[in-house]
Every structure is written in C-alpha cells, then in structure tokens.
Amino acid sequence: MKSVLSTRSLNNAQLALLANSGIGVESYDAIGVTILDVDIPEGYTQYIFTSKNGVKGYLKNKISGVENQKKITCYCVGEKTQAFLEEKGLFVAKMTEYSRELGDFLVENDKNGPFLVFTGNRNRPELGRKLTEHKIHFQEVMVYETQLHPKKFEKDFQILLFYSPSGVQSFVQANDQKDATALCIGETTAREARKHFQKVIVAKKPTTDNVIETLIEHFPKLSNA
C-alpha cells in the first residue's frame, strides 16, 4: 500500500471517506494563517475576495454601523469563499475557481471598479496584474498573513496532497521527496509542485473534498505504479 501525506489537516468526514476506501493518510498543517488587525479603507462598494481567509479578515475589521453590507457587491474566488460570504449576508455577483479567471471576467464585462481587494502576504499576483494592465482602479488591503511551517519527515511518502503553493514551498523546505506523486488542489498549486516533483496530478475542482475524491479515484493506479 502506498503511503499518503496530506499537507492540511482533514476533517472527520474526509478521514472516514478515505478509511472506507481503504486509504490511510497522515496529515499535518504545512502552513498557518494569522488574521491581522487593519483599517479597512472606506468609500468602496465593490469588494474582491480571493480566499476565505480574506473574508475572515474583512469580518474581523469591518466597522459596525459604518458599512452597509447591502450596498456591497462581492466578487470572489472559490466555492467555499462564496458560501462563506453568502452565509454572512453579503451579495456575490460572480465566483470563479481561479484569480486569473476572475480578472478576465471583470475585464470582459467592463467592471471598472474601483475595487477593494482583500489579500494575504503571499497572494498570487495574476489578478493585480490584469487589473493594472487594463487600468482598472483597485486598492489592496492585507488582512491576513500566511506562515510556512516546515516539518522534516523521516519516512518517504509516495503520494503528497497539496492545497496551495505555500504548502508546497513549506514541505520542500524540509524534505526532498521528488519521486513522490504530488496531488494538487488546482493548477496554481500544480505549477509550484512541478518545480519540485516529476509526477503531478490536479484535482478536477479546486476543493479539498475533490482532492480526496481524486485520490480515491487514482489510488489503485498509484498503488500499482
């Protein structure tokens, strides 16, 4: 049986699904996130969130009674980000699976802003480049920080589950397991993984649940590789 390492802690339902499929997985958190205390710029009614952590940063710092959430239009990346925004009573006009797709949508649909973009310290630059290239006004506010948590493993794993470029960077900082298969949550993570691993698989949809489903789907092939 192939050994599997998840670079993000999995919930009980995900672990049970893997156990029922006969797959044992070790897990740890390769990165950590700190939500910052910041002042949110006023005067914006169009918000962009590229992650659920950005939403958490907004919620922590928004000034009660000053901002009318009903006037805010949100654009976001990821199904879970959209679900979290809507759970908190915010209107989501558009969700895409990747930042570059959101940038393309804003340009193609003449969304001129101004936008307030909620970011972290390790955010990908594609969205900002697209908006700048097309002279769309935006301001970024950093509301969270991602920290790498490198951990050395004495055993080798045949399959590694990655959920962000930062997770890949954290793992390879302490480990040299280039012969492993990297199973990635999306193409952005896969691009980073290809710098370090020869065998890279990308989940069909960029969610943790789909990473698990892809692992189960490919596991018989991987176990006989």
Protein backbone atom coordinates (compact mmCIF):
# COMPACT_ATOMS: atom_id res chain seq x y z
CA MET A 1 0.00 0.00 0.00
CA LYS A 2 1.25 3.43 -0.89
CA SER A 3 1.83 5.93 1.94
CA VAL A 4 -0.04 9.24 1.70
CA LEU A 5 0.62 12.59 3.39
CA SER A 6 -1.85 15.48 3.46
CA THR A 7 -0.28 18.91 4.00
CA ARG A 8 -3.55 20.11 5.52
CA SER A 9 -5.45 18.58 8.44
CA LEU A 10 -8.54 16.74 7.21
CA ASN A 11 -11.92 16.71 8.91
CA ASN A 12 -13.59 13.60 10.30
CA ALA A 13 -15.88 13.14 7.29
CA GLN A 14 -12.92 13.26 4.89
CA LEU A 15 -10.91 10.82 7.01
CA ALA A 16 -13.89 8.46 7.22
CA LEU A 17 -14.33 8.56 3.44
CA LEU A 18 -10.69 7.63 2.97
CA ALA A 19 -10.86 4.89 5.60
CA ASN A 20 -13.92 3.38 3.91
CA SER A 21 -11.90 3.32 0.68
CA GLY A 22 -9.04 1.53 2.41
CA ILE A 23 -6.70 4.51 2.29
CA GLY A 24 -4.71 5.58 5.33
CA VAL A 25 -3.46 9.17 5.35
CA GLU A 26 -1.10 11.02 7.66
CA SER A 27 -1.70 14.77 7.89
CA TYR A 28 -0.23 17.98 9.29
CA ASP A 29 -0.65 21.70 8.64
CA ALA A 30 2.19 22.86 6.40
CA ILE A 31 1.11 26.49 6.74
CA GLY A 32 -0.58 28.68 9.33
CA VAL A 33 -2.70 31.80 8.93
CA THR A 34 -2.94 34.87 11.17
CA ILE A 35 -5.82 37.31 10.69
CA LEU A 36 -4.49 40.85 11.06
CA ASP A 37 -5.88 43.96 12.72
CA VAL A 38 -6.15 46.58 9.97
CA ASP A 39 -8.11 49.66 8.99
CA ILE A 40 -10.41 48.93 6.06
CA PRO A 41 -10.44 51.81 3.54
CA GLU A 42 -13.84 53.48 3.25
CA GLY A 43 -15.71 54.54 0.14
CA TYR A 44 -15.63 51.20 -1.69
CA THR A 45 -18.76 49.24 -2.57
CA GLN A 46 -17.13 46.57 -4.75
CA TYR A 47 -15.05 44.00 -2.88
CA ILE A 48 -12.84 41.20 -4.20
CA PHE A 49 -12.01 38.18 -2.07
CA THR A 50 -9.51 35.62 -3.33
CA SER A 51 -9.86 33.30 -0.33
CA LYS A 52 -11.98 32.50 2.70
CA ASN A 53 -9.22 33.99 4.87
CA GLY A 54 -9.78 37.33 3.14
CA VAL A 55 -13.42 37.20 4.21
CA LYS A 56 -12.37 36.43 7.78
CA GLY A 57 -10.07 39.45 7.67
CA TYR A 58 -12.89 41.68 6.46
CA LEU A 59 -15.30 40.42 9.11
CA LYS A 60 -12.76 40.94 11.89
CA ASN A 61 -12.04 44.53 10.91
CA LYS A 62 -15.26 45.93 9.49
CA ILE A 63 -16.70 48.84 11.44
CA SER A 64 -20.19 48.06 12.65
CA GLY A 65 -22.72 50.71 11.71
CA VAL A 66 -20.44 52.45 9.20
CA GLU A 67 -20.60 49.98 6.34
CA ASN A 68 -23.95 48.97 4.91
CA GLN A 69 -23.41 45.43 3.66
CA LYS A 70 -26.46 45.66 1.42
CA LYS A 71 -24.59 48.21 -0.70
CA ILE A 72 -21.57 45.95 -1.17
CA THR A 73 -21.11 43.80 -4.28
CA CYS A 74 -18.63 40.96 -3.92
CA TYR A 75 -16.53 39.09 -6.46
CA CYS A 76 -14.65 36.06 -5.22
CA VAL A 77 -12.50 33.02 -5.94
CA GLY A 78 -13.70 29.60 -4.80
CA GLU A 79 -16.97 27.94 -3.90
CA LYS A 80 -16.22 27.95 -0.18
CA THR A 81 -15.38 31.65 -0.28
CA GLN A 82 -18.73 32.33 -1.96
CA ALA A 83 -20.62 30.17 0.53
CA PHE A 84 -18.97 31.93 3.47
CA LEU A 85 -19.76 35.38 2.07
CA GLU A 86 -23.40 34.49 1.50
CA GLU A 87 -23.62 32.93 4.95
CA LYS A 88 -22.55 36.30 6.34
CA GLY A 89 -25.21 38.14 4.35
CA LEU A 90 -23.04 39.52 1.54
CA PHE A 91 -24.08 39.51 -2.11
CA VAL A 92 -21.77 37.66 -4.52
CA ALA A 93 -22.12 38.84 -8.11
CA LYS A 94 -19.53 36.44 -9.54
CA MET A 95 -17.45 33.49 -8.37
CA THR A 96 -14.65 31.87 -10.36
CA GLU A 97 -12.36 28.99 -9.50
CA TYR A 98 -9.13 30.91 -10.14
CA SER A 99 -7.96 34.50 -9.72
CA ARG A 100 -6.96 34.84 -13.37
CA GLU A 101 -10.50 33.81 -14.42
CA LEU A 102 -11.95 36.50 -12.16
CA GLY A 103 -9.65 39.08 -13.71
CA ASP A 104 -10.76 38.01 -17.19
CA PHE A 105 -14.42 38.29 -16.17
CA LEU A 106 -14.00 41.81 -14.78
CA VAL A 107 -12.23 42.97 -17.93
CA GLU A 108 -14.59 41.29 -20.39
CA ASN A 109 -17.68 42.63 -18.62
CA ASP A 110 -16.39 46.19 -18.29
CA LYS A 111 -16.32 46.13 -14.50
CA ASN A 112 -14.26 49.26 -13.92
CA GLY A 113 -14.25 49.40 -10.13
CA PRO A 114 -12.98 50.86 -8.01
CA PHE A 115 -12.39 47.59 -6.21
CA LEU A 116 -11.13 46.86 -2.73
CA VAL A 117 -9.12 43.62 -2.84
CA PHE A 118 -8.66 41.66 0.40
CA THR A 119 -5.30 39.89 0.27
CA GLY A 120 -2.68 37.99 2.24
CA ASN A 121 1.08 38.41 2.31
CA ARG A 122 1.64 35.55 -0.15
CA ASN A 123 -1.17 36.22 -2.63
CA ARG A 124 -0.61 35.38 -6.28
CA PRO A 125 -0.02 38.46 -8.50
CA GLU A 126 -2.14 37.48 -11.54
CA LEU A 127 -5.29 39.39 -10.57
CA GLY A 128 -3.47 42.61 -9.73
CA ARG A 129 -1.52 42.44 -12.98
CA LYS A 130 -4.70 42.00 -15.01
CA LEU A 131 -6.44 44.95 -13.34
CA THR A 132 -3.38 47.16 -13.69
CA GLU A 133 -2.91 46.20 -17.34
CA HIS A 134 -6.46 47.30 -18.14
CA LYS A 135 -6.26 50.43 -15.99
CA ILE A 136 -8.98 49.24 -13.60
CA HIS A 137 -8.72 51.09 -10.29
CA PHE A 138 -8.23 48.94 -7.22
CA GLN A 139 -6.69 49.06 -3.78
CA GLU A 140 -5.34 46.10 -1.89
CA VAL A 141 -5.68 45.69 1.86
CA MET A 142 -3.67 42.92 3.52
CA VAL A 143 -5.87 41.29 6.13
CA TYR A 144 -4.01 38.03 6.82
CA GLU A 145 -0.54 36.53 6.85
CA THR A 146 0.45 33.02 5.83
CA GLN A 147 3.36 31.41 7.68
CA LEU A 148 5.27 28.34 6.49
CA HIS A 149 5.56 25.50 8.99
CA PRO A 150 8.32 23.25 7.61
CA LYS A 151 8.45 19.78 9.16
CA LYS A 152 11.02 17.08 8.45
CA PHE A 153 9.67 13.57 7.86
CA GLU A 154 11.95 10.59 8.31
CA LYS A 155 9.83 8.34 6.11
CA ASP A 156 9.19 8.73 2.42
CA PHE A 157 5.69 9.19 1.07
CA GLN A 158 4.58 8.05 -2.34
CA ILE A 159 1.63 10.48 -2.55
CA LEU A 160 1.58 14.05 -1.25
CA LEU A 161 -1.60 16.15 -1.09
CA PHE A 162 -1.07 19.89 -1.62
CA TYR A 163 -3.63 22.71 -1.29
CA SER A 164 -1.61 25.86 -2.03
CA PRO A 165 1.74 26.94 -3.48
CA SER A 166 2.75 27.92 0.06
CA GLY A 167 2.07 24.37 1.22
CA VAL A 168 4.40 23.03 -1.46
CA GLN A 169 7.09 25.52 -0.51
CA SER A 170 6.76 24.63 3.16
CA PHE A 171 7.07 20.87 2.54
CA VAL A 172 10.07 21.04 0.20
CA GLN A 173 11.85 23.41 2.56
CA ALA A 174 12.38 20.48 4.94
CA ASN A 175 12.02 17.42 2.69
CA ASP A 176 13.49 16.07 -0.55
CA GLN A 177 10.97 13.58 -1.88
CA LYS A 178 11.00 14.39 -5.59
CA ASP A 179 9.99 10.84 -6.54
CA ALA A 180 6.61 11.24 -4.83
CA THR A 181 3.39 11.96 -6.73
CA ALA A 182 2.02 15.41 -5.91
CA LEU A 183 -1.78 15.59 -5.97
CA CYS A 184 -2.75 19.28 -6.10
CA ILE A 185 -5.97 21.16 -5.41
CA GLY A 186 -5.64 23.29 -8.55
CA GLU A 187 -3.44 24.42 -11.40
CA THR A 188 -1.85 27.29 -9.42
CA THR A 189 -0.63 24.83 -6.79
CA ALA A 190 0.39 22.37 -9.51
CA ARG A 191 2.63 24.95 -11.19
CA GLU A 192 4.61 25.26 -7.96
CA ALA A 193 4.65 21.48 -7.47
CA ARG A 194 6.10 20.89 -10.95
CA LYS A 195 9.20 22.78 -9.88
CA HIS A 196 9.92 20.01 -7.36
CA PHE A 197 8.11 16.83 -8.47
CA GLN A 198 8.07 14.96 -11.75
CA LYS A 199 4.65 13.38 -11.19
CA VAL A 200 1.83 15.88 -10.61
CA ILE A 201 -1.94 15.26 -10.65
CA VAL A 202 -4.51 18.08 -10.50
CA ALA A 203 -7.95 17.64 -8.90
CA LYS A 204 -10.91 18.23 -11.22
CA LYS A 205 -12.23 21.04 -9.00
CA PRO A 206 -10.23 23.20 -6.56
CA THR A 207 -11.72 21.95 -3.29
CA THR A 208 -10.32 19.78 -0.51
CA ASP A 209 -13.18 17.32 -0.99
CA ASN A 210 -12.28 16.96 -4.65
CA VAL A 211 -8.64 16.31 -3.76
CA ILE A 212 -9.90 13.43 -1.62
CA GLU A 213 -12.16 12.16 -4.41
CA THR A 214 -9.29 12.35 -6.90
CA LEU A 215 -7.05 10.41 -4.51
CA ILE A 216 -9.65 7.68 -4.18
CA GLU A 217 -10.17 7.59 -7.96
CA HIS A 218 -6.44 7.33 -8.74
CA PHE A 219 -5.33 5.28 -5.75
CA PRO A 220 -5.50 1.82 -7.41
CA LYS A 221 -3.37 3.12 -10.29
CA LEU A 222 -0.89 4.78 -7.94
CA SER A 223 -0.68 1.75 -5.66
CA ASN A 224 0.41 -0.40 -8.60
CA ALA A 225 2.81 2.16 -10.03
